[in-house]
Amino acid sequence: MIYPNKVLRFNESIIGKMLFILDRLDSKIINIHKLYSDTSEFFEEVTEFLHSLDVLSRISKAYNNGALLLEGQ
């Protein structure tokens, strides 16, 4: 679930889990596989990780001219 609600706590939501990704980015370019391996313990499945990246990417495009610092393979 993306949004926290009465049943889902903030830290269990995608929005809360995005913070783990942001902590690892630290204004540097990082390989997507390395980022996932560094944060996988915080996500129940890879789709949560991908949803988090999607939300971060959209925020980045809206506020930072698309400068989410990730690289592909």
C-alpha atoms as a PDB file:
ATOM      1  CA  MET A   1       0.000   0.000   0.000  1.00  0.00           C
ATOM      2  CA  ILE A   2       1.307   3.402  -0.919  1.00  0.00           C
ATOM      3  CA  TYR A   3      -0.458   5.551   1.650  1.00  0.00           C
ATOM      4  CA  PRO A   4      -0.585   5.097   5.400  1.00  0.00           C
ATOM      5  CA  ASN A   5      -4.069   4.708   6.902  1.00  0.00           C
ATOM      6  CA  LYS A   6      -5.747   3.464  10.093  1.00  0.00           C
ATOM      7  CA  VAL A   7      -4.466  -0.084   9.520  1.00  0.00           C
ATOM      8  CA  LEU A   8      -1.138   0.605   7.789  1.00  0.00           C
ATOM      9  CA  ARG A   9       1.517   2.522   9.698  1.00  0.00           C
ATOM     10  CA  PHE A  10       3.595   5.183   7.992  1.00  0.00           C
ATOM     11  CA  ASN A  11       6.806   3.129   8.150  1.00  0.00           C
ATOM     12  CA  GLU A  12       5.002   0.189   6.485  1.00  0.00           C
ATOM     13  CA  SER A  13       3.749   2.305   3.569  1.00  0.00           C
ATOM     14  CA  ILE A  14       5.579   2.958   0.313  1.00  0.00           C
ATOM     15  CA  ILE A  15       5.910   6.612   1.282  1.00  0.00           C
ATOM     16  CA  GLY A  16       7.633   5.610   4.517  1.00  0.00           C
ATOM     17  CA  LYS A  17       9.877   3.083   2.777  1.00  0.00           C
ATOM     18  CA  MET A  18      11.055   5.697   0.270  1.00  0.00           C
ATOM     19  CA  LEU A  19      13.119   7.167   3.086  1.00  0.00           C
ATOM     20  CA  PHE A  20      15.378   4.097   3.093  1.00  0.00           C
ATOM     21  CA  ILE A  21      16.146   4.699  -0.585  1.00  0.00           C
ATOM     22  CA  LEU A  22      16.747   8.408  -0.043  1.00  0.00           C
ATOM     23  CA  ASP A  23      19.174   7.630   2.777  1.00  0.00           C
ATOM     24  CA  ARG A  24      21.255   5.505   0.372  1.00  0.00           C
ATOM     25  CA  LEU A  25      21.281   7.994  -2.526  1.00  0.00           C
ATOM     26  CA  ASP A  26      23.213  10.705  -0.682  1.00  0.00           C
ATOM     27  CA  SER A  27      23.571  12.899  -3.822  1.00  0.00           C
ATOM     28  CA  LYS A  28      25.565  10.364  -5.813  1.00  0.00           C
ATOM     29  CA  ILE A  29      24.907   8.088  -8.740  1.00  0.00           C
ATOM     30  CA  ILE A  30      24.243   4.523  -7.646  1.00  0.00           C
ATOM     31  CA  ASN A  31      23.579   1.348  -9.600  1.00  0.00           C
ATOM     32  CA  ILE A  32      19.957   0.218  -9.306  1.00  0.00           C
ATOM     33  CA  HIS A  33      21.013  -3.339  -8.383  1.00  0.00           C
ATOM     34  CA  LYS A  34      23.286  -2.056  -5.619  1.00  0.00           C
ATOM     35  CA  LEU A  35      20.509   0.193  -4.330  1.00  0.00           C
ATOM     36  CA  TYR A  36      18.106  -2.735  -4.157  1.00  0.00           C
ATOM     37  CA  SER A  37      20.611  -4.995  -2.438  1.00  0.00           C
ATOM     38  CA  ASP A  38      21.314  -2.232   0.101  1.00  0.00           C
ATOM     39  CA  THR A  39      17.610  -1.665   0.856  1.00  0.00           C
ATOM     40  CA  SER A  40      15.916  -5.015   0.163  1.00  0.00           C
ATOM     41  CA  GLU A  41      15.609  -5.812   3.874  1.00  0.00           C
ATOM     42  CA  PHE A  42      13.092  -2.957   4.198  1.00  0.00           C
ATOM     43  CA  PHE A  43      10.800  -4.151   1.396  1.00  0.00           C
ATOM     44  CA  GLU A  44       8.561  -7.212   1.542  1.00  0.00           C
ATOM     45  CA  GLU A  45       8.891  -7.733  -2.214  1.00  0.00           C
ATOM     46  CA  VAL A  46      10.545  -6.114  -5.190  1.00  0.00           C
ATOM     47  CA  THR A  47       7.298  -4.433  -6.295  1.00  0.00           C
ATOM     48  CA  GLU A  48       7.373  -2.249  -3.176  1.00  0.00           C
ATOM     49  CA  PHE A  49      10.887  -1.183  -4.099  1.00  0.00           C
ATOM     50  CA  LEU A  50       9.779  -0.402  -7.657  1.00  0.00           C
ATOM     51  CA  HIS A  51       6.757   1.568  -6.445  1.00  0.00           C
ATOM     52  CA  SER A  52       9.042   3.577  -4.179  1.00  0.00           C
ATOM     53  CA  LEU A  53      11.363   4.356  -7.088  1.00  0.00           C
ATOM     54  CA  ASP A  54       8.402   5.338  -9.232  1.00  0.00           C
ATOM     55  CA  VAL A  55       7.110   7.802  -6.634  1.00  0.00           C
ATOM     56  CA  LEU A  56      10.599   9.222  -6.080  1.00  0.00           C
ATOM     57  CA  SER A  57      11.088   9.587  -9.811  1.00  0.00           C
ATOM     58  CA  ARG A  58       7.840  11.496 -10.201  1.00  0.00           C
ATOM     59  CA  ILE A  59       8.697  13.776  -7.296  1.00  0.00           C
ATOM     60  CA  SER A  60      12.154  14.314  -8.739  1.00  0.00           C
ATOM     61  CA  LYS A  61      10.759  15.255 -12.150  1.00  0.00           C
ATOM     62  CA  ALA A  62       8.315  17.673 -10.568  1.00  0.00           C
ATOM     63  CA  TYR A  63      10.762  19.410  -8.245  1.00  0.00           C
ATOM     64  CA  ASN A  64      14.297  18.699  -9.408  1.00  0.00           C
ATOM     65  CA  ASN A  65      14.220  18.624 -13.216  1.00  0.00           C
ATOM     66  CA  GLY A  66      14.403  14.809 -13.313  1.00  0.00           C
ATOM     67  CA  ALA A  67      17.687  14.512 -11.432  1.00  0.00           C
ATOM     68  CA  LEU A  68      17.036  11.322  -9.461  1.00  0.00           C
ATOM     69  CA  LEU A  69      20.548   9.960  -9.317  1.00  0.00           C
ATOM     70  CA  LEU A  70      20.261   6.343 -10.416  1.00  0.00           C
ATOM     71  CA  GLU A  71      21.914   4.426 -13.185  1.00  0.00           C
ATOM     72  CA  GLY A  72      20.867   1.248 -14.987  1.00  0.00           C
ATOM     73  CA  GLN A  73      22.973  -1.865 -15.357  1.00  0.00           C
END
